[in-house]
PDB file of all heavy atoms in Angstrom:
ATOM      1  N   LEU A   1     -17.483  -7.597 -13.745  1.00  0.00           N
ATOM      2  CA  LEU A   1     -17.781  -8.110 -12.422  1.00  0.00           C
ATOM      3  C   LEU A   1     -19.229  -7.783 -12.012  1.00  0.00           C
ATOM      4  O   LEU A   1     -19.796  -6.898 -12.351  1.00  0.00           O
ATOM      5  CB  LEU A   1     -16.814  -7.539 -11.383  1.00  0.00           C
ATOM      6  CG  LEU A   1     -15.306  -7.726 -11.536  1.00  0.00           C
ATOM      7  CD1 LEU A   1     -14.598  -7.033 -10.397  1.00  0.00           C
ATOM      8  CD2 LEU A   1     -14.954  -9.160 -11.600  1.00  0.00           C
ATOM      9  N   PHE A   2     -19.671  -8.708 -11.136  1.00  0.00           N
ATOM     10  CA  PHE A   2     -20.991  -8.540 -10.437  1.00  0.00           C
ATOM     11  C   PHE A   2     -20.714  -8.545  -8.976  1.00  0.00           C
ATOM     12  O   PHE A   2     -20.484  -9.596  -8.352  1.00  0.00           O
ATOM     13  CB  PHE A   2     -21.925  -9.680 -10.861  1.00  0.00           C
ATOM     14  CG  PHE A   2     -23.243  -9.702 -10.102  1.00  0.00           C
ATOM     15  CD1 PHE A   2     -24.005  -8.561  -9.969  1.00  0.00           C
ATOM     16  CD2 PHE A   2     -23.721 -10.913  -9.551  1.00  0.00           C
ATOM     17  CE1 PHE A   2     -25.254  -8.540  -9.289  1.00  0.00           C
ATOM     18  CE2 PHE A   2     -24.911 -10.887  -8.862  1.00  0.00           C
ATOM     19  CZ  PHE A   2     -25.702  -9.802  -8.728  1.00  0.00           C
ATOM     20  N   ILE A   3     -20.615  -7.366  -8.320  1.00  0.00           N
ATOM     21  CA  ILE A   3     -20.208  -7.223  -6.977  1.00  0.00           C
ATOM     22  C   ILE A   3     -21.425  -7.072  -6.050  1.00  0.00           C
ATOM     23  O   ILE A   3     -22.128  -6.047  -6.194  1.00  0.00           O
ATOM     24  CB  ILE A   3     -19.243  -6.062  -6.781  1.00  0.00           C
ATOM     25  CG1 ILE A   3     -18.010  -6.262  -7.678  1.00  0.00           C
ATOM     26  CG2 ILE A   3     -18.841  -5.900  -5.293  1.00  0.00           C
ATOM     27  CD1 ILE A   3     -17.026  -5.068  -7.588  1.00  0.00           C
ATOM     28  N   VAL A   4     -21.619  -8.056  -5.196  1.00  0.00           N
ATOM     29  CA  VAL A   4     -22.724  -7.965  -4.222  1.00  0.00           C
ATOM     30  C   VAL A   4     -22.133  -7.435  -2.918  1.00  0.00           C
ATOM     31  O   VAL A   4     -21.349  -8.159  -2.283  1.00  0.00           O
ATOM     32  CB  VAL A   4     -23.374  -9.349  -3.984  1.00  0.00           C
ATOM     33  CG1 VAL A   4     -24.558  -9.256  -3.020  1.00  0.00           C
ATOM     34  CG2 VAL A   4     -23.833  -9.956  -5.350  1.00  0.00           C
ATOM     35  N   ALA A   5     -22.431  -6.220  -2.632  1.00  0.00           N
ATOM     36  CA  ALA A   5     -21.768  -5.492  -1.504  1.00  0.00           C
ATOM     37  C   ALA A   5     -22.702  -5.281  -0.344  1.00  0.00           C
ATOM     38  O   ALA A   5     -23.639  -4.517  -0.382  1.00  0.00           O
ATOM     39  CB  ALA A   5     -21.227  -4.160  -1.981  1.00  0.00           C
ATOM     40  N   GLY A   6     -22.496  -6.078   0.767  1.00  0.00           N
ATOM     41  CA  GLY A   6     -23.333  -5.952   1.922  1.00  0.00           C
ATOM     42  C   GLY A   6     -23.074  -4.582   2.591  1.00  0.00           C
ATOM     43  O   GLY A   6     -22.136  -3.870   2.255  1.00  0.00           O
ATOM     44  N   PRO A   7     -23.935  -4.237   3.555  1.00  0.00           N
ATOM     45  CA  PRO A   7     -23.843  -2.905   4.205  1.00  0.00           C
ATOM     46  C   PRO A   7     -22.450  -2.797   4.961  1.00  0.00           C
ATOM     47  O   PRO A   7     -22.006  -3.763   5.605  1.00  0.00           O
ATOM     48  CB  PRO A   7     -25.009  -2.905   5.175  1.00  0.00           C
ATOM     49  CG  PRO A   7     -25.372  -4.374   5.407  1.00  0.00           C
ATOM     50  CD  PRO A   7     -25.050  -5.031   4.071  1.00  0.00           C
ATOM     51  N   GLY A   8     -21.849  -1.595   4.854  1.00  0.00           N
ATOM     52  CA  GLY A   8     -20.629  -1.403   5.564  1.00  0.00           C
ATOM     53  C   GLY A   8     -19.410  -2.209   5.075  1.00  0.00           C
ATOM     54  O   GLY A   8     -18.462  -2.347   5.816  1.00  0.00           O
ATOM     55  N   SER A   9     -19.502  -2.692   3.845  1.00  0.00           N
ATOM     56  CA  SER A   9     -18.453  -3.646   3.377  1.00  0.00           C
ATOM     57  C   SER A   9     -17.355  -2.954   2.589  1.00  0.00           C
ATOM     58  O   SER A   9     -16.541  -3.619   1.999  1.00  0.00           O
ATOM     59  CB  SER A   9     -19.091  -4.727   2.504  1.00  0.00           C
ATOM     60  OG  SER A   9     -19.770  -4.182   1.404  1.00  0.00           O
ATOM     61  N   GLY A  10     -17.402  -1.615   2.516  1.00  0.00           N
ATOM     62  CA  GLY A  10     -16.330  -0.881   1.828  1.00  0.00           C
ATOM     63  C   GLY A  10     -16.456  -0.802   0.366  1.00  0.00           C
ATOM     64  O   GLY A  10     -15.467  -0.710  -0.358  1.00  0.00           O
ATOM     65  N   LYS A  11     -17.707  -0.760  -0.158  1.00  0.00           N
ATOM     66  CA  LYS A  11     -17.878  -0.747  -1.593  1.00  0.00           C
ATOM     67  C   LYS A  11     -17.376   0.522  -2.259  1.00  0.00           C
ATOM     68  O   LYS A  11     -16.807   0.505  -3.359  1.00  0.00           O
ATOM     69  CB  LYS A  11     -19.372  -0.983  -1.962  1.00  0.00           C
ATOM     70  CG  LYS A  11     -20.246   0.157  -1.620  1.00  0.00           C
ATOM     71  CD  LYS A  11     -21.714  -0.180  -1.999  1.00  0.00           C
ATOM     72  CE  LYS A  11     -22.660   0.895  -1.560  1.00  0.00           C
ATOM     73  NZ  LYS A  11     -22.915   1.891  -2.601  1.00  0.00           N
ATOM     74  N   THR A  12     -17.511   1.677  -1.573  1.00  0.00           N
ATOM     75  CA  THR A  12     -16.983   2.916  -2.130  1.00  0.00           C
ATOM     76  C   THR A  12     -15.483   2.825  -2.247  1.00  0.00           C
ATOM     77  O   THR A  12     -14.845   3.259  -3.188  1.00  0.00           O
ATOM     78  CB  THR A  12     -17.474   4.151  -1.258  1.00  0.00           C
ATOM     79  OG1 THR A  12     -18.848   4.141  -1.197  1.00  0.00           O
ATOM     80  CG2 THR A  12     -16.941   5.418  -1.901  1.00  0.00           C
ATOM     81  N   THR A  13     -14.855   2.361  -1.152  1.00  0.00           N
ATOM     82  CA  THR A  13     -13.418   2.145  -1.188  1.00  0.00           C
ATOM     83  C   THR A  13     -12.982   1.284  -2.345  1.00  0.00           C
ATOM     84  O   THR A  13     -11.992   1.569  -3.106  1.00  0.00           O
ATOM     85  CB  THR A  13     -12.927   1.520   0.132  1.00  0.00           C
ATOM     86  OG1 THR A  13     -13.160   2.381   1.220  1.00  0.00           O
ATOM     87  CG2 THR A  13     -11.442   1.185   0.064  1.00  0.00           C
ATOM     88  N   VAL A  14     -13.709   0.200  -2.585  1.00  0.00           N
ATOM     89  CA  VAL A  14     -13.358  -0.679  -3.687  1.00  0.00           C
ATOM     90  C   VAL A  14     -13.544  -0.002  -5.045  1.00  0.00           C
ATOM     91  O   VAL A  14     -12.661  -0.121  -5.892  1.00  0.00           O
ATOM     92  CB  VAL A  14     -14.302  -1.970  -3.655  1.00  0.00           C
ATOM     93  CG1 VAL A  14     -14.183  -2.718  -4.951  1.00  0.00           C
ATOM     94  CG2 VAL A  14     -13.897  -2.848  -2.461  1.00  0.00           C
ATOM     95  N   MET A  15     -14.657   0.756  -5.226  1.00  0.00           N
ATOM     96  CA  MET A  15     -14.808   1.479  -6.445  1.00  0.00           C
ATOM     97  C   MET A  15     -13.722   2.472  -6.706  1.00  0.00           C
ATOM     98  O   MET A  15     -13.158   2.577  -7.848  1.00  0.00           O
ATOM     99  CB  MET A  15     -16.184   2.155  -6.433  1.00  0.00           C
ATOM    100  CG  MET A  15     -17.340   1.169  -6.600  1.00  0.00           C
ATOM    101  SD  MET A  15     -18.923   2.057  -6.856  1.00  0.00           S
ATOM    102  CE  MET A  15     -18.731   2.743  -8.510  1.00  0.00           C
ATOM    103  N   VAL A  16     -13.383   3.260  -5.694  1.00  0.00           N
ATOM    104  CA  VAL A  16     -12.310   4.271  -5.806  1.00  0.00           C
ATOM    105  C   VAL A  16     -10.988   3.668  -6.203  1.00  0.00           C
ATOM    106  O   VAL A  16     -10.316   4.026  -7.160  1.00  0.00           O
ATOM    107  CB  VAL A  16     -12.219   5.117  -4.551  1.00  0.00           C
ATOM    108  CG1 VAL A  16     -10.988   6.056  -4.646  1.00  0.00           C
ATOM    109  CG2 VAL A  16     -13.445   5.948  -4.276  1.00  0.00           C
ATOM    110  N   LEU A  17     -10.572   2.607  -5.448  1.00  0.00           N
ATOM    111  CA  LEU A  17      -9.286   1.953  -5.704  1.00  0.00           C
ATOM    112  C   LEU A  17      -9.304   1.214  -7.023  1.00  0.00           C
ATOM    113  O   LEU A  17      -8.235   1.108  -7.656  1.00  0.00           O
ATOM    114  CB  LEU A  17      -8.971   1.015  -4.510  1.00  0.00           C
ATOM    115  CG  LEU A  17      -8.692   1.694  -3.211  1.00  0.00           C
ATOM    116  CD1 LEU A  17      -8.398   0.699  -2.110  1.00  0.00           C
ATOM    117  CD2 LEU A  17      -7.587   2.735  -3.311  1.00  0.00           C
ATOM    118  N   LYS A  18     -10.481   0.736  -7.412  1.00  0.00           N
ATOM    119  CA  LYS A  18     -10.531   0.077  -8.699  1.00  0.00           C
ATOM    120  C   LYS A  18     -10.304   1.099  -9.800  1.00  0.00           C
ATOM    121  O   LYS A  18      -9.599   0.829 -10.853  1.00  0.00           O
ATOM    122  CB  LYS A  18     -11.912  -0.553  -8.887  1.00  0.00           C
ATOM    123  CG  LYS A  18     -12.007  -1.578  -9.979  1.00  0.00           C
ATOM    124  CD  LYS A  18     -13.336  -2.379  -9.905  1.00  0.00           C
ATOM    125  CE  LYS A  18     -13.437  -3.394 -11.045  1.00  0.00           C
ATOM    126  NZ  LYS A  18     -12.344  -4.305 -11.063  1.00  0.00           N
ATOM    127  N   ILE A  19     -10.891   2.274  -9.723  1.00  0.00           N
ATOM    128  CA  ILE A  19     -10.664   3.346 -10.673  1.00  0.00           C
ATOM    129  C   ILE A  19      -9.230   3.784 -10.690  1.00  0.00           C
ATOM    130  O   ILE A  19      -8.609   3.946 -11.824  1.00  0.00           O
ATOM    131  CB  ILE A  19     -11.544   4.598 -10.332  1.00  0.00           C
ATOM    132  CG1 ILE A  19     -13.042   4.280 -10.621  1.00  0.00           C
ATOM    133  CG2 ILE A  19     -11.126   5.830 -11.158  1.00  0.00           C
ATOM    134  CD1 ILE A  19     -13.977   5.344 -10.100  1.00  0.00           C
ATOM    135  N   LEU A  20      -8.576   3.914  -9.560  1.00  0.00           N
ATOM    136  CA  LEU A  20      -7.195   4.335  -9.480  1.00  0.00           C
ATOM    137  C   LEU A  20      -6.292   3.272  -9.992  1.00  0.00           C
ATOM    138  O   LEU A  20      -5.241   3.548 -10.608  1.00  0.00           O
ATOM    139  CB  LEU A  20      -6.816   4.739  -8.024  1.00  0.00           C
ATOM    140  CG  LEU A  20      -7.584   5.911  -7.469  1.00  0.00           C
ATOM    141  CD1 LEU A  20      -7.249   6.181  -6.005  1.00  0.00           C
ATOM    142  CD2 LEU A  20      -7.285   7.187  -8.302  1.00  0.00           C
ATOM    143  N   LYS A  21      -6.666   2.014  -9.788  1.00  0.00           N
ATOM    144  CA  LYS A  21      -5.837   0.885 -10.335  1.00  0.00           C
ATOM    145  C   LYS A  21      -5.913   0.943 -11.880  1.00  0.00           C
ATOM    146  O   LYS A  21      -4.915   0.688 -12.511  1.00  0.00           O
ATOM    147  CB  LYS A  21      -6.411  -0.428  -9.769  1.00  0.00           C
ATOM    148  CG  LYS A  21      -5.602  -1.663 -10.220  1.00  0.00           C
ATOM    149  CD  LYS A  21      -6.419  -2.437 -11.277  1.00  0.00           C
ATOM    150  CE  LYS A  21      -5.726  -3.691 -11.695  1.00  0.00           C
ATOM    151  NZ  LYS A  21      -6.423  -4.396 -12.769  1.00  0.00           N
ATOM    152  N   TYR A  22      -7.082   1.208 -12.409  1.00  0.00           N
ATOM    153  CA  TYR A  22      -7.210   1.361 -13.905  1.00  0.00           C
ATOM    154  C   TYR A  22      -6.182   2.400 -14.435  1.00  0.00           C
ATOM    155  O   TYR A  22      -5.606   2.197 -15.488  1.00  0.00           O
ATOM    156  CB  TYR A  22      -8.599   1.747 -14.271  1.00  0.00           C
ATOM    157  CG  TYR A  22      -9.623   0.648 -14.167  1.00  0.00           C
ATOM    158  CD1 TYR A  22     -10.920   0.922 -13.691  1.00  0.00           C
ATOM    159  CD2 TYR A  22      -9.357  -0.651 -14.537  1.00  0.00           C
ATOM    160  CE1 TYR A  22     -11.840  -0.018 -13.567  1.00  0.00           C
ATOM    161  CE2 TYR A  22     -10.355  -1.679 -14.437  1.00  0.00           C
ATOM    162  CZ  TYR A  22     -11.561  -1.306 -13.960  1.00  0.00           C
ATOM    163  OH  TYR A  22     -12.555  -2.328 -13.838  1.00  0.00           O
ATOM    164  N   LEU A  23      -6.088   3.527 -13.695  1.00  0.00           N
ATOM    165  CA  LEU A  23      -5.225   4.604 -14.160  1.00  0.00           C
ATOM    166  C   LEU A  23      -3.763   4.347 -13.973  1.00  0.00           C
ATOM    167  O   LEU A  23      -2.940   4.553 -14.916  1.00  0.00           O
ATOM    168  CB  LEU A  23      -5.610   5.882 -13.349  1.00  0.00           C
ATOM    169  CG  LEU A  23      -7.041   6.426 -13.517  1.00  0.00           C
ATOM    170  CD1 LEU A  23      -7.251   7.565 -12.555  1.00  0.00           C
ATOM    171  CD2 LEU A  23      -7.267   6.904 -14.934  1.00  0.00           C
ATOM    172  N   PHE A  24      -3.410   3.904 -12.745  1.00  0.00           N
ATOM    173  CA  PHE A  24      -1.932   3.781 -12.447  1.00  0.00           C
ATOM    174  C   PHE A  24      -1.338   2.446 -12.834  1.00  0.00           C
ATOM    175  O   PHE A  24      -0.119   2.333 -13.095  1.00  0.00           O
ATOM    176  CB  PHE A  24      -1.702   3.985 -10.902  1.00  0.00           C
ATOM    177  CG  PHE A  24      -1.906   5.438 -10.526  1.00  0.00           C
ATOM    178  CD1 PHE A  24      -3.073   5.789  -9.908  1.00  0.00           C
ATOM    179  CD2 PHE A  24      -0.947   6.381 -10.779  1.00  0.00           C
ATOM    180  CE1 PHE A  24      -3.258   7.078  -9.485  1.00  0.00           C
ATOM    181  CE2 PHE A  24      -1.167   7.704 -10.412  1.00  0.00           C
ATOM    182  CZ  PHE A  24      -2.292   8.074  -9.756  1.00  0.00           C
ATOM    183  N   VAL A  25      -2.153   1.405 -12.939  1.00  0.00           N
ATOM    184  CA  VAL A  25      -1.652   0.046 -13.254  1.00  0.00           C
ATOM    185  C   VAL A  25      -1.951  -0.350 -14.708  1.00  0.00           C
ATOM    186  O   VAL A  25      -1.078  -0.860 -15.436  1.00  0.00           O
ATOM    187  CB  VAL A  25      -2.141  -1.002 -12.239  1.00  0.00           C
ATOM    188  CG1 VAL A  25      -1.633  -2.395 -12.627  1.00  0.00           C
ATOM    189  CG2 VAL A  25      -1.741  -0.678 -10.841  1.00  0.00           C
ATOM    190  N   ASP A  26      -3.208  -0.127 -15.108  1.00  0.00           N
ATOM    191  CA  ASP A  26      -3.643  -0.569 -16.416  1.00  0.00           C
ATOM    192  C   ASP A  26      -3.464   0.450 -17.519  1.00  0.00           C
ATOM    193  O   ASP A  26      -3.767   0.193 -18.686  1.00  0.00           O
ATOM    194  CB  ASP A  26      -5.111  -1.037 -16.353  1.00  0.00           C
ATOM    195  CG  ASP A  26      -5.390  -2.168 -15.394  1.00  0.00           C
ATOM    196  OD1 ASP A  26      -4.485  -3.055 -15.331  1.00  0.00           O
ATOM    197  OD2 ASP A  26      -6.352  -2.129 -14.647  1.00  0.00           O
ATOM    198  N   ASP A  27      -3.009   1.684 -17.148  1.00  0.00           N
ATOM    199  CA  ASP A  27      -2.848   2.741 -18.128  1.00  0.00           C
ATOM    200  C   ASP A  27      -4.060   3.119 -18.920  1.00  0.00           C
ATOM    201  O   ASP A  27      -4.039   3.459 -20.069  1.00  0.00           O
ATOM    202  CB  ASP A  27      -1.715   2.361 -19.105  1.00  0.00           C
ATOM    203  CG  ASP A  27      -0.344   2.294 -18.427  1.00  0.00           C
ATOM    204  OD1 ASP A  27      -0.198   2.811 -17.344  1.00  0.00           O
ATOM    205  OD2 ASP A  27       0.535   1.704 -19.013  1.00  0.00           O
ATOM    206  N   ILE A  28      -5.235   3.022 -18.239  1.00  0.00           N
ATOM    207  CA  ILE A  28      -6.465   3.433 -18.883  1.00  0.00           C
ATOM    208  C   ILE A  28      -6.614   4.999 -18.853  1.00  0.00           C
ATOM    209  O   ILE A  28      -6.313   5.594 -17.811  1.00  0.00           O
ATOM    210  CB  ILE A  28      -7.705   2.769 -18.119  1.00  0.00           C
ATOM    211  CG1 ILE A  28      -7.572   1.272 -18.135  1.00  0.00           C
ATOM    212  CG2 ILE A  28      -9.017   3.322 -18.757  1.00  0.00           C
ATOM    213  CD1 ILE A  28      -7.746   0.664 -19.486  1.00  0.00           C
ATOM    214  N   GLU A  29      -6.977   5.570 -19.923  1.00  0.00           N
ATOM    215  CA  GLU A  29      -7.158   7.012 -19.980  1.00  0.00           C
ATOM    216  C   GLU A  29      -8.318   7.456 -19.151  1.00  0.00           C
ATOM    217  O   GLU A  29      -9.347   6.780 -19.182  1.00  0.00           O
ATOM    218  CB  GLU A  29      -7.352   7.450 -21.452  1.00  0.00           C
ATOM    219  CG  GLU A  29      -6.158   7.289 -22.349  1.00  0.00           C
ATOM    220  CD  GLU A  29      -4.977   8.164 -21.990  1.00  0.00           C
ATOM    221  OE1 GLU A  29      -5.268   9.254 -21.376  1.00  0.00           O
ATOM    222  OE2 GLU A  29      -3.822   7.764 -22.191  1.00  0.00           O
ATOM    223  N   PRO A  30      -8.175   8.525 -18.369  1.00  0.00           N
ATOM    224  CA  PRO A  30      -9.256   8.975 -17.508  1.00  0.00           C
ATOM    225  C   PRO A  30     -10.563   9.181 -18.233  1.00  0.00           C
ATOM    226  O   PRO A  30     -11.659   8.883 -17.683  1.00  0.00           O
ATOM    227  CB  PRO A  30      -8.745  10.287 -16.948  1.00  0.00           C
ATOM    228  CG  PRO A  30      -7.240  10.092 -16.987  1.00  0.00           C
ATOM    229  CD  PRO A  30      -6.983   9.330 -18.198  1.00  0.00           C
ATOM    230  N   ASN A  31     -10.550   9.719 -19.471  1.00  0.00           N
ATOM    231  CA  ASN A  31     -11.790   9.993 -20.151  1.00  0.00           C
ATOM    232  C   ASN A  31     -12.421   8.731 -20.705  1.00  0.00           C
ATOM    233  O   ASN A  31     -13.502   8.808 -21.347  1.00  0.00           O
ATOM    234  CB  ASN A  31     -11.581  11.032 -21.297  1.00  0.00           C
ATOM    235  CG  ASN A  31     -10.658  10.447 -22.418  1.00  0.00           C
ATOM    236  OD1 ASN A  31     -10.042   9.432 -22.192  1.00  0.00           O
ATOM    237  ND2 ASN A  31     -10.735  11.070 -23.542  1.00  0.00           N
ATOM    238  N   SER A  32     -11.817   7.571 -20.496  1.00  0.00           N
ATOM    239  CA  SER A  32     -12.392   6.319 -20.908  1.00  0.00           C
ATOM    240  C   SER A  32     -13.188   5.621 -19.773  1.00  0.00           C
ATOM    241  O   SER A  32     -13.695   4.516 -19.987  1.00  0.00           O
ATOM    242  CB  SER A  32     -11.307   5.362 -21.393  1.00  0.00           C
ATOM    243  OG  SER A  32     -10.620   5.867 -22.508  1.00  0.00           O
ATOM    244  N   ILE A  33     -13.223   6.299 -18.633  1.00  0.00           N
ATOM    245  CA  ILE A  33     -13.872   5.703 -17.433  1.00  0.00           C
ATOM    246  C   ILE A  33     -15.170   6.450 -17.091  1.00  0.00           C
ATOM    247  O   ILE A  33     -15.233   7.656 -17.000  1.00  0.00           O
ATOM    248  CB  ILE A  33     -12.928   5.764 -16.229  1.00  0.00           C
ATOM    249  CG1 ILE A  33     -11.649   5.014 -16.538  1.00  0.00           C
ATOM    250  CG2 ILE A  33     -13.654   5.191 -15.018  1.00  0.00           C
ATOM    251  CD1 ILE A  33     -10.569   5.137 -15.426  1.00  0.00           C
ATOM    252  N   LEU A  34     -16.246   5.639 -16.948  1.00  0.00           N
ATOM    253  CA  LEU A  34     -17.559   6.179 -16.559  1.00  0.00           C
ATOM    254  C   LEU A  34     -17.967   5.478 -15.297  1.00  0.00           C
ATOM    255  O   LEU A  34     -18.004   4.265 -15.189  1.00  0.00           O
ATOM    256  CB  LEU A  34     -18.581   5.871 -17.670  1.00  0.00           C
ATOM    257  CG  LEU A  34     -20.081   6.162 -17.256  1.00  0.00           C
ATOM    258  CD1 LEU A  34     -20.270   7.663 -17.172  1.00  0.00           C
ATOM    259  CD2 LEU A  34     -20.969   5.596 -18.312  1.00  0.00           C
ATOM    260  N   ALA A  35     -18.267   6.275 -14.239  1.00  0.00           N
ATOM    261  CA  ALA A  35     -18.707   5.702 -12.985  1.00  0.00           C
ATOM    262  C   ALA A  35     -19.967   6.428 -12.499  1.00  0.00           C
ATOM    263  O   ALA A  35     -19.990   7.647 -12.351  1.00  0.00           O
ATOM    264  CB  ALA A  35     -17.583   5.850 -11.899  1.00  0.00           C
ATOM    265  N   THR A  36     -21.030   5.657 -12.269  1.00  0.00           N
ATOM    266  CA  THR A  36     -22.307   6.264 -11.847  1.00  0.00           C
ATOM    267  C   THR A  36     -22.709   5.701 -10.487  1.00  0.00           C
ATOM    268  O   THR A  36     -22.420   4.608 -10.154  1.00  0.00           O
ATOM    269  CB  THR A  36     -23.420   6.001 -12.877  1.00  0.00           C
ATOM    270  OG1 THR A  36     -23.871   4.668 -12.746  1.00  0.00           O
ATOM    271  CG2 THR A  36     -22.979   6.295 -14.252  1.00  0.00           C
ATOM    272  N   THR A  37     -23.431   6.540  -9.727  1.00  0.00           N
ATOM    273  CA  THR A  37     -24.116   6.093  -8.560  1.00  0.00           C
ATOM    274  C   THR A  37     -25.478   6.741  -8.495  1.00  0.00           C
ATOM    275  O   THR A  37     -25.777   7.562  -9.371  1.00  0.00           O
ATOM    276  CB  THR A  37     -23.284   6.418  -7.290  1.00  0.00           C
ATOM    277  OG1 THR A  37     -23.890   5.711  -6.163  1.00  0.00           O
ATOM    278  CG2 THR A  37     -23.122   7.880  -7.047  1.00  0.00           C
ATOM    279  N   TYR A  38     -26.282   6.451  -7.496  1.00  0.00           N
ATOM    280  CA  TYR A  38     -27.711   6.778  -7.552  1.00  0.00           C
ATOM    281  C   TYR A  38     -28.015   8.226  -7.057  1.00  0.00           C
ATOM    282  O   TYR A  38     -28.830   8.878  -7.643  1.00  0.00           O
ATOM    283  CB  TYR A  38     -28.538   5.819  -6.694  1.00  0.00           C
ATOM    284  CG  TYR A  38     -29.960   5.819  -7.130  1.00  0.00           C
ATOM    285  CD1 TYR A  38     -30.431   5.088  -8.229  1.00  0.00           C
ATOM    286  CD2 TYR A  38     -30.925   6.522  -6.450  1.00  0.00           C
ATOM    287  CE1 TYR A  38     -31.723   5.109  -8.638  1.00  0.00           C
ATOM    288  CE2 TYR A  38     -32.244   6.559  -6.830  1.00  0.00           C
ATOM    289  CZ  TYR A  38     -32.656   5.842  -7.934  1.00  0.00           C
ATOM    290  OH  TYR A  38     -33.948   5.860  -8.340  1.00  0.00           O
TER     291      TYR A  38
END
């Protein structure tokens, strides 16, 4: 995805829930996930 997130649009919420969805729904192993911010 290419997510263009305007100010105050809940991008951190989206990133967190996306990570948790990978874990609980997609059965992705935690050590297979890399998330960076500035």
